[in-house]
Amino acid sequence: MNEQLTPEELEALNELLPPGRQTGDLREDLAEAARTAMRRRIDNSRWGGAVIAALHRDLQSWRQLEEVTGIPHATARRWATPPPGTEAS
């Protein structure tokens, strides 16, 4: 099944879709792995923004947050602010 994948692609597939969940249909397995990656990206962005916002409330300084995390202060500020229309109801 995996003879068409590079070692890096196979590693990514196995990380996103463990071998026990793979169907043997490479196209379907890659599609499911891609859907998993997208779900994780959305969740990680939301969760990352929430913890950055909480850390900023504690530190009261975007520059200090940058010193503590290594995340550039402008990036952290944008990440901690949900895009308009996406706030939880």
PDB file of N, CA and C in Angstrom:
ATOM      1  N   MET A   1       0.823  -1.198   0.000  1.00  0.00           N
ATOM      2  CA  MET A   1       0.000   0.000   0.000  1.00  0.00           C
ATOM      3  C   MET A   1       0.860   1.251   0.000  1.00  0.00           C
ATOM      4  N   ASN A   2       1.918   1.294   0.821  1.00  0.00           N
ATOM      5  CA  ASN A   2       2.657   2.529   1.032  1.00  0.00           C
ATOM      6  C   ASN A   2       3.882   2.672   0.139  1.00  0.00           C
ATOM      7  N   GLU A   3       4.024   1.813  -0.864  1.00  0.00           N
ATOM      8  CA  GLU A   3       5.196   1.887  -1.715  1.00  0.00           C
ATOM      9  C   GLU A   3       5.272   3.181  -2.531  1.00  0.00           C
ATOM     10  N   GLN A   4       4.181   3.920  -2.630  1.00  0.00           N
ATOM     11  CA  GLN A   4       4.150   5.168  -3.379  1.00  0.00           C
ATOM     12  C   GLN A   4       4.539   6.370  -2.525  1.00  0.00           C
ATOM     13  N   LEU A   5       4.703   6.184  -1.238  1.00  0.00           N
ATOM     14  CA  LEU A   5       4.959   7.309  -0.344  1.00  0.00           C
ATOM     15  C   LEU A   5       6.442   7.424  -0.014  1.00  0.00           C
ATOM     16  N   THR A   6       6.902   8.655   0.146  1.00  0.00           N
ATOM     17  CA  THR A   6       8.261   8.883   0.636  1.00  0.00           C
ATOM     18  C   THR A   6       8.275   8.532   2.129  1.00  0.00           C
ATOM     19  N   PRO A   7       9.448   8.360   2.710  1.00  0.00           N
ATOM     20  CA  PRO A   7       9.496   8.078   4.151  1.00  0.00           C
ATOM     21  C   PRO A   7       8.804   9.164   4.990  1.00  0.00           C
ATOM     22  N   GLU A   8       8.964  10.424   4.599  1.00  0.00           N
ATOM     23  CA  GLU A   8       8.332  11.519   5.335  1.00  0.00           C
ATOM     24  C   GLU A   8       6.809  11.464   5.209  1.00  0.00           C
ATOM     25  N   GLU A   9       6.327  11.154   4.010  1.00  0.00           N
ATOM     26  CA  GLU A   9       4.877  11.050   3.803  1.00  0.00           C
ATOM     27  C   GLU A   9       4.296   9.881   4.603  1.00  0.00           C
ATOM     28  N   LEU A  10       5.011   8.767   4.625  1.00  0.00           N
ATOM     29  CA  LEU A  10       4.550   7.603   5.383  1.00  0.00           C
ATOM     30  C   LEU A  10       4.515   7.914   6.874  1.00  0.00           C
ATOM     31  N   GLU A  11       5.547   8.607   7.357  1.00  0.00           N
ATOM     32  CA  GLU A  11       5.564   9.003   8.767  1.00  0.00           C
ATOM     33  C   GLU A  11       4.369   9.891   9.097  1.00  0.00           C
ATOM     34  N   ALA A  12       4.086  10.858   8.218  1.00  0.00           N
ATOM     35  CA  ALA A  12       2.953  11.761   8.438  1.00  0.00           C
ATOM     36  C   ALA A  12       1.633  10.991   8.415  1.00  0.00           C
ATOM     37  N   LEU A  13       1.472  10.103   7.456  1.00  0.00           N
ATOM     38  CA  LEU A  13       0.247   9.302   7.364  1.00  0.00           C
ATOM     39  C   LEU A  13       0.050   8.496   8.647  1.00  0.00           C
ATOM     40  N   ASN A  14       1.103   7.835   9.108  1.00  0.00           N
ATOM     41  CA  ASN A  14       0.992   7.004  10.303  1.00  0.00           C
ATOM     42  C   ASN A  14       0.742   7.830  11.560  1.00  0.00           C
ATOM     43  N   GLU A  15       1.244   9.059  11.592  1.00  0.00           N
ATOM     44  CA  GLU A  15       1.012   9.937  12.731  1.00  0.00           C
ATOM     45  C   GLU A  15      -0.440  10.419  12.755  1.00  0.00           C
ATOM     46  N   LEU A  16      -0.954  10.783  11.595  1.00  0.00           N
ATOM     47  CA  LEU A  16      -2.317  11.315  11.506  1.00  0.00           C
ATOM     48  C   LEU A  16      -3.386  10.227  11.497  1.00  0.00           C
ATOM     49  N   LEU A  17      -3.052   9.080  10.935  1.00  0.00           N
ATOM     50  CA  LEU A  17      -3.993   7.965  10.843  1.00  0.00           C
ATOM     51  C   LEU A  17      -3.215   6.698  11.199  1.00  0.00           C
ATOM     52  N   PRO A  18      -3.248   6.292  12.463  1.00  0.00           N
ATOM     53  CA  PRO A  18      -2.450   5.139  12.891  1.00  0.00           C
ATOM     54  C   PRO A  18      -2.721   3.914  12.012  1.00  0.00           C
ATOM     55  N   PRO A  19      -1.707   3.077  11.811  1.00  0.00           N
ATOM     56  CA  PRO A  19      -1.859   1.916  10.928  1.00  0.00           C
ATOM     57  C   PRO A  19      -3.085   1.060  11.231  1.00  0.00           C
ATOM     58  N   GLY A  20      -3.480   0.954  12.486  1.00  0.00           N
ATOM     59  CA  GLY A  20      -4.662   0.161  12.832  1.00  0.00           C
ATOM     60  C   GLY A  20      -5.963   0.743  12.310  1.00  0.00           C
ATOM     61  N   ARG A  21      -5.960   2.023  11.953  1.00  0.00           N
ATOM     62  CA  ARG A  21      -7.156   2.684  11.411  1.00  0.00           C
ATOM     63  C   ARG A  21      -7.112   2.805   9.893  1.00  0.00           C
ATOM     64  N   GLN A  22      -5.969   2.475   9.281  1.00  0.00           N
ATOM     65  CA  GLN A  22      -5.845   2.572   7.829  1.00  0.00           C
ATOM     66  C   GLN A  22      -6.610   1.434   7.168  1.00  0.00           C
ATOM     67  N   THR A  23      -7.219   1.761   6.029  1.00  0.00           N
ATOM     68  CA  THR A  23      -8.085   0.797   5.341  1.00  0.00           C
ATOM     69  C   THR A  23      -7.360  -0.039   4.302  1.00  0.00           C
ATOM     70  N   GLY A  24      -6.198   0.420   3.865  1.00  0.00           N
ATOM     71  CA  GLY A  24      -5.510  -0.254   2.768  1.00  0.00           C
ATOM     72  C   GLY A  24      -5.745   0.433   1.431  1.00  0.00           C
ATOM     73  N   ASP A  25      -6.726   1.329   1.387  1.00  0.00           N
ATOM     74  CA  ASP A  25      -6.981   2.149   0.202  1.00  0.00           C
ATOM     75  C   ASP A  25      -6.198   3.447   0.410  1.00  0.00           C
ATOM     76  N   LEU A  26      -5.053   3.565  -0.271  1.00  0.00           N
ATOM     77  CA  LEU A  26      -4.147   4.678  -0.021  1.00  0.00           C
ATOM     78  C   LEU A  26      -4.820   6.026  -0.200  1.00  0.00           C
ATOM     79  N   ARG A  27      -5.596   6.179  -1.249  1.00  0.00           N
ATOM     80  CA  ARG A  27      -6.259   7.462  -1.493  1.00  0.00           C
ATOM     81  C   ARG A  27      -7.205   7.820  -0.341  1.00  0.00           C
ATOM     82  N   GLU A  28      -8.008   6.865   0.097  1.00  0.00           N
ATOM     83  CA  GLU A  28      -8.942   7.121   1.199  1.00  0.00           C
ATOM     84  C   GLU A  28      -8.193   7.391   2.492  1.00  0.00           C
ATOM     85  N   ASP A  29      -7.119   6.654   2.744  1.00  0.00           N
ATOM     86  CA  ASP A  29      -6.330   6.867   3.962  1.00  0.00           C
ATOM     87  C   ASP A  29      -5.678   8.253   3.958  1.00  0.00           C
ATOM     88  N   LEU A  30      -5.162   8.673   2.815  1.00  0.00           N
ATOM     89  CA  LEU A  30      -4.566  10.007   2.719  1.00  0.00           C
ATOM     90  C   LEU A  30      -5.628  11.088   2.902  1.00  0.00           C
ATOM     91  N   ALA A  31      -6.805  10.872   2.339  1.00  0.00           N
ATOM     92  CA  ALA A  31      -7.896  11.845   2.489  1.00  0.00           C
ATOM     93  C   ALA A  31      -8.314  11.950   3.953  1.00  0.00           C
ATOM     94  N   GLU A  32      -8.425  10.830   4.642  1.00  0.00           N
ATOM     95  CA  GLU A  32      -8.801  10.856   6.059  1.00  0.00           C
ATOM     96  C   GLU A  32      -7.705  11.517   6.887  1.00  0.00           C
ATOM     97  N   ALA A  33      -6.452  11.248   6.563  1.00  0.00           N
ATOM     98  CA  ALA A  33      -5.338  11.885   7.266  1.00  0.00           C
ATOM     99  C   ALA A  33      -5.372  13.402   7.053  1.00  0.00           C
ATOM    100  N   ALA A  34      -5.694  13.837   5.841  1.00  0.00           N
ATOM    101  CA  ALA A  34      -5.791  15.272   5.557  1.00  0.00           C
ATOM    102  C   ALA A  34      -6.930  15.902   6.347  1.00  0.00           C
ATOM    103  N   ARG A  35      -8.068  15.218   6.445  1.00  0.00           N
ATOM    104  CA  ARG A  35      -9.192  15.742   7.240  1.00  0.00           C
ATOM    105  C   ARG A  35      -8.795  15.845   8.718  1.00  0.00           C
ATOM    106  N   THR A  36      -8.074  14.839   9.200  1.00  0.00           N
ATOM    107  CA  THR A  36      -7.598  14.864  10.590  1.00  0.00           C
ATOM    108  C   THR A  36      -6.660  16.037  10.805  1.00  0.00           C
ATOM    109  N   ALA A  37      -5.750  16.272   9.859  1.00  0.00           N
ATOM    110  CA  ALA A  37      -4.806  17.387   9.975  1.00  0.00           C
ATOM    111  C   ALA A  37      -5.555  18.717  10.027  1.00  0.00           C
ATOM    112  N   MET A  38      -6.580  18.867   9.229  1.00  0.00           N
ATOM    113  CA  MET A  38      -7.339  20.113   9.217  1.00  0.00           C
ATOM    114  C   MET A  38      -8.073  20.306  10.531  1.00  0.00           C
ATOM    115  N   ARG A  39      -8.698  19.244  11.057  1.00  0.00           N
ATOM    116  CA  ARG A  39      -9.377  19.347  12.359  1.00  0.00           C
ATOM    117  C   ARG A  39      -8.378  19.746  13.440  1.00  0.00           C
ATOM    118  N   ARG A  40      -7.210  19.121  13.434  1.00  0.00           N
ATOM    119  CA  ARG A  40      -6.189  19.444  14.435  1.00  0.00           C
ATOM    120  C   ARG A  40      -5.719  20.883  14.290  1.00  0.00           C
ATOM    121  N   ARG A  41      -5.565  21.338  13.060  1.00  0.00           N
ATOM    122  CA  ARG A  41      -5.111  22.715  12.836  1.00  0.00           C
ATOM    123  C   ARG A  41      -6.117  23.709  13.415  1.00  0.00           C
ATOM    124  N   ILE A  42      -7.382  23.479  13.148  1.00  0.00           N
ATOM    125  CA  ILE A  42      -8.428  24.366  13.655  1.00  0.00           C
ATOM    126  C   ILE A  42      -8.447  24.338  15.184  1.00  0.00           C
ATOM    127  N   ASP A  43      -8.436  23.135  15.756  1.00  0.00           N
ATOM    128  CA  ASP A  43      -8.447  23.011  17.215  1.00  0.00           C
ATOM    129  C   ASP A  43      -7.205  23.636  17.833  1.00  0.00           C
ATOM    130  N   ASN A  44      -6.029  23.338  17.277  1.00  0.00           N
ATOM    131  CA  ASN A  44      -4.789  23.880  17.833  1.00  0.00           C
ATOM    132  C   ASN A  44      -4.754  25.400  17.750  1.00  0.00           C
ATOM    133  N   SER A  45      -5.279  25.956  16.670  1.00  0.00           N
ATOM    134  CA  SER A  45      -5.329  27.417  16.558  1.00  0.00           C
ATOM    135  C   SER A  45      -6.213  28.017  17.632  1.00  0.00           C
ATOM    136  N   ARG A  46      -7.378  27.430  17.831  1.00  0.00           N
ATOM    137  CA  ARG A  46      -8.312  27.928  18.843  1.00  0.00           C
ATOM    138  C   ARG A  46      -7.723  27.778  20.242  1.00  0.00           C
ATOM    139  N   TRP A  47      -7.186  26.604  20.541  1.00  0.00           N
ATOM    140  CA  TRP A  47      -6.619  26.353  21.865  1.00  0.00           C
ATOM    141  C   TRP A  47      -5.375  27.202  22.101  1.00  0.00           C
ATOM    142  N   GLY A  48      -4.546  27.331  21.074  1.00  0.00           N
ATOM    143  CA  GLY A  48      -3.360  28.176  21.202  1.00  0.00           C
ATOM    144  C   GLY A  48      -3.729  29.609  21.501  1.00  0.00           C
ATOM    145  N   GLY A  49      -4.714  30.122  20.793  1.00  0.00           N
ATOM    146  CA  GLY A  49      -5.168  31.483  21.041  1.00  0.00           C
ATOM    147  C   GLY A  49      -5.694  31.662  22.452  1.00  0.00           C
ATOM    148  N   ALA A  50      -6.391  30.661  22.956  1.00  0.00           N
ATOM    149  CA  ALA A  50      -6.948  30.746  24.311  1.00  0.00           C
ATOM    150  C   ALA A  50      -5.846  30.768  25.362  1.00  0.00           C
ATOM    151  N   VAL A  51      -4.826  29.920  25.213  1.00  0.00           N
ATOM    152  CA  VAL A  51      -3.765  29.915  26.228  1.00  0.00           C
ATOM    153  C   VAL A  51      -2.904  31.169  26.121  1.00  0.00           C
ATOM    154  N   ILE A  52      -2.719  31.682  24.917  1.00  0.00           N
ATOM    155  CA  ILE A  52      -1.969  32.933  24.763  1.00  0.00           C
ATOM    156  C   ILE A  52      -2.738  34.082  25.410  1.00  0.00           C
ATOM    157  N   ALA A  53      -4.048  34.129  25.205  1.00  0.00           N
ATOM    158  CA  ALA A  53      -4.854  35.182  25.833  1.00  0.00           C
ATOM    159  C   ALA A  53      -4.773  35.083  27.357  1.00  0.00           C
ATOM    160  N   ALA A  54      -4.828  33.873  27.892  1.00  0.00           N
ATOM    161  CA  ALA A  54      -4.750  33.691  29.339  1.00  0.00           C
ATOM    162  C   ALA A  54      -3.379  34.112  29.863  1.00  0.00           C
ATOM    163  N   LEU A  55      -2.329  33.758  29.142  1.00  0.00           N
ATOM    164  CA  LEU A  55      -0.985  34.148  29.566  1.00  0.00           C
ATOM    165  C   LEU A  55      -0.819  35.660  29.516  1.00  0.00           C
ATOM    166  N   HIS A  56      -1.388  36.288  28.487  1.00  0.00           N
ATOM    167  CA  HIS A  56      -1.317  37.749  28.398  1.00  0.00           C
ATOM    168  C   HIS A  56      -2.044  38.412  29.565  1.00  0.00           C
ATOM    169  N   ARG A  57      -3.205  37.874  29.941  1.00  0.00           N
ATOM    170  CA  ARG A  57      -3.917  38.430  31.104  1.00  0.00           C
ATOM    171  C   ARG A  57      -3.037  38.355  32.353  1.00  0.00           C
ATOM    172  N   ASP A  58      -2.275  37.276  32.476  1.00  0.00           N
ATOM    173  CA  ASP A  58      -1.397  37.116  33.631  1.00  0.00           C
ATOM    174  C   ASP A  58      -0.205  38.064  33.562  1.00  0.00           C
ATOM    175  N   LEU A  59       0.410  38.167  32.398  1.00  0.00           N
ATOM    176  CA  LEU A  59       1.633  38.963  32.254  1.00  0.00           C
ATOM    177  C   LEU A  59       1.352  40.450  32.050  1.00  0.00           C
ATOM    178  N   GLN A  60       0.203  40.767  31.432  1.00  0.00           N
ATOM    179  CA  GLN A  60      -0.180  42.148  31.130  1.00  0.00           C
ATOM    180  C   GLN A  60       0.781  42.836  30.158  1.00  0.00           C
ATOM    181  N   SER A  61       1.495  42.068  29.368  1.00  0.00           N
ATOM    182  CA  SER A  61       2.454  42.665  28.437  1.00  0.00           C
ATOM    183  C   SER A  61       2.695  41.704  27.270  1.00  0.00           C
ATOM    184  N   TRP A  62       2.459  42.213  26.045  1.00  0.00           N
ATOM    185  CA  TRP A  62       2.746  41.400  24.861  1.00  0.00           C
ATOM    186  C   TRP A  62       4.245  41.175  24.709  1.00  0.00           C
ATOM    187  N   ARG A  63       5.048  42.150  25.035  1.00  0.00           N
ATOM    188  CA  ARG A  63       6.506  41.998  24.927  1.00  0.00           C
ATOM    189  C   ARG A  63       7.027  40.980  25.934  1.00  0.00           C
ATOM    190  N   GLN A  64       6.482  40.991  27.130  1.00  0.00           N
ATOM    191  CA  GLN A  64       6.900  39.996  28.118  1.00  0.00           C
ATOM    192  C   GLN A  64       6.455  38.606  27.680  1.00  0.00           C
ATOM    193  N   LEU A  65       5.263  38.504  27.080  1.00  0.00           N
ATOM    194  CA  LEU A  65       4.804  37.221  26.554  1.00  0.00           C
ATOM    195  C   LEU A  65       5.787  36.716  25.500  1.00  0.00           C
ATOM    196  N   GLU A  66       6.288  37.626  24.662  1.00  0.00           N
ATOM    197  CA  GLU A  66       7.275  37.246  23.653  1.00  0.00           C
ATOM    198  C   GLU A  66       8.533  36.703  24.327  1.00  0.00           C
ATOM    199  N   GLU A  67       8.985  37.369  25.386  1.00  0.00           N
ATOM    200  CA  GLU A  67      10.183  36.911  26.091  1.00  0.00           C
ATOM    201  C   GLU A  67       9.980  35.527  26.701  1.00  0.00           C
ATOM    202  N   VAL A  68       8.799  35.290  27.243  1.00  0.00           N
ATOM    203  CA  VAL A  68       8.506  34.027  27.921  1.00  0.00           C
ATOM    204  C   VAL A  68       8.316  32.874  26.929  1.00  0.00           C
ATOM    205  N   THR A  69       7.638  33.145  25.806  1.00  0.00           N
ATOM    206  CA  THR A  69       7.266  32.063  24.884  1.00  0.00           C
ATOM    207  C   THR A  69       8.122  31.974  23.632  1.00  0.00           C
ATOM    208  N   GLY A  70       8.741  33.087  23.244  1.00  0.00           N
ATOM    209  CA  GLY A  70       9.454  33.119  21.976  1.00  0.00           C
ATOM    210  C   GLY A  70       8.560  33.420  20.790  1.00  0.00           C
ATOM    211  N   ILE A  71       7.267  33.586  21.043  1.00  0.00           N
ATOM    212  CA  ILE A  71       6.316  33.931  19.977  1.00  0.00           C
ATOM    213  C   ILE A  71       6.377  35.439  19.785  1.00  0.00           C
ATOM    214  N   PRO A  72       6.642  35.924  18.568  1.00  0.00           N
ATOM    215  CA  PRO A  72       6.679  37.377  18.356  1.00  0.00           C
ATOM    216  C   PRO A  72       5.412  38.037  18.887  1.00  0.00           C
ATOM    217  N   HIS A  73       5.579  39.177  19.555  1.00  0.00           N
ATOM    218  CA  HIS A  73       4.438  39.803  20.235  1.00  0.00           C
ATOM    219  C   HIS A  73       3.295  40.142  19.290  1.00  0.00           C
ATOM    220  N   ALA A  74       3.604  40.579  18.077  1.00  0.00           N
ATOM    221  CA  ALA A  74       2.523  40.917  17.135  1.00  0.00           C
ATOM    222  C   ALA A  74       1.750  39.659  16.726  1.00  0.00           C
ATOM    223  N   THR A  75       2.459  38.563  16.541  1.00  0.00           N
ATOM    224  CA  THR A  75       1.810  37.289  16.201  1.00  0.00           C
ATOM    225  C   THR A  75       0.940  36.818  17.355  1.00  0.00           C
ATOM    226  N   ALA A  76       1.475  36.878  18.562  1.00  0.00           N
ATOM    227  CA  ALA A  76       0.717  36.439  19.736  1.00  0.00           C
ATOM    228  C   ALA A  76      -0.556  37.255  19.890  1.00  0.00           C
ATOM    229  N   ARG A  77      -0.446  38.542  19.678  1.00  0.00           N
ATOM    230  CA  ARG A  77      -1.613  39.421  19.825  1.00  0.00           C
ATOM    231  C   ARG A  77      -2.702  39.053  18.816  1.00  0.00           C
ATOM    232  N   ARG A  78      -2.305  38.827  17.566  1.00  0.00           N
ATOM    233  CA  ARG A  78      -3.287  38.426  16.543  1.00  0.00           C
ATOM    234  C   ARG A  78      -3.882  37.059  16.867  1.00  0.00           C
ATOM    235  N   TRP A  79      -3.048  36.135  17.297  1.00  0.00           N
ATOM    236  CA  TRP A  79      -3.487  34.772  17.569  1.00  0.00           C
ATOM    237  C   TRP A  79      -4.477  34.740  18.730  1.00  0.00           C
ATOM    238  N   ALA A  80      -4.274  35.592  19.723  1.00  0.00           N
ATOM    239  CA  ALA A  80      -5.133  35.595  20.903  1.00  0.00           C
ATOM    240  C   ALA A  80      -6.480  36.251  20.648  1.00  0.00           C
ATOM    241  N   THR A  81      -6.632  36.940  19.519  1.00  0.00           N
ATOM    242  CA  THR A  81      -7.875  37.634  19.187  1.00  0.00           C
ATOM    243  C   THR A  81      -8.599  36.863  18.097  1.00  0.00           C
ATOM    244  N   PRO A  82      -9.762  36.278  18.400  1.00  0.00           N
ATOM    245  CA  PRO A  82     -10.478  35.529  17.360  1.00  0.00           C
ATOM    246  C   PRO A  82     -10.887  36.432  16.207  1.00  0.00           C
ATOM    247  N   PRO A  83     -10.863  35.924  14.982  1.00  0.00           N
ATOM    248  CA  PRO A  83     -11.342  36.725  13.849  1.00  0.00           C
ATOM    249  C   PRO A  83     -12.807  37.118  14.052  1.00  0.00           C
ATOM    250  N   PRO A  84     -13.213  38.257  13.533  1.00  0.00           N
ATOM    251  CA  PRO A  84     -14.611  38.689  13.692  1.00  0.00           C
ATOM    252  C   PRO A  84     -15.590  37.619  13.209  1.00  0.00           C
ATOM    253  N   GLY A  85     -16.617  37.418  13.992  1.00  0.00           N
ATOM    254  CA  GLY A  85     -17.645  36.450  13.615  1.00  0.00           C
ATOM    255  C   GLY A  85     -17.352  35.027  14.040  1.00  0.00           C
ATOM    256  N   THR A  86     -16.199  34.782  14.676  1.00  0.00           N
ATOM    257  CA  THR A  86     -15.872  33.407  15.075  1.00  0.00           C
ATOM    258  C   THR A  86     -15.908  33.203  16.575  1.00  0.00           C
ATOM    259  N   GLU A  87     -16.260  34.241  17.332  1.00  0.00           N
ATOM    260  CA  GLU A  87     -16.319  34.106  18.772  1.00  0.00           C
ATOM    261  C   GLU A  87     -17.382  33.094  19.147  1.00  0.00           C
ATOM    262  N   ALA A  88     -17.144  32.397  20.238  1.00  0.00           N
ATOM    263  CA  ALA A  88     -18.144  31.428  20.718  1.00  0.00           C
ATOM    264  C   ALA A  88     -19.400  32.157  21.153  1.00  0.00           C
ATOM    265  N   SER A  89     -20.521  31.554  20.895  1.00  0.00           N
ATOM    266  CA  SER A  89     -21.800  32.182  21.261  1.00  0.00           C
ATOM    267  C   SER A  89     -22.064  32.034  22.729  1.00  0.00           C
TER     268      SER A  89
END
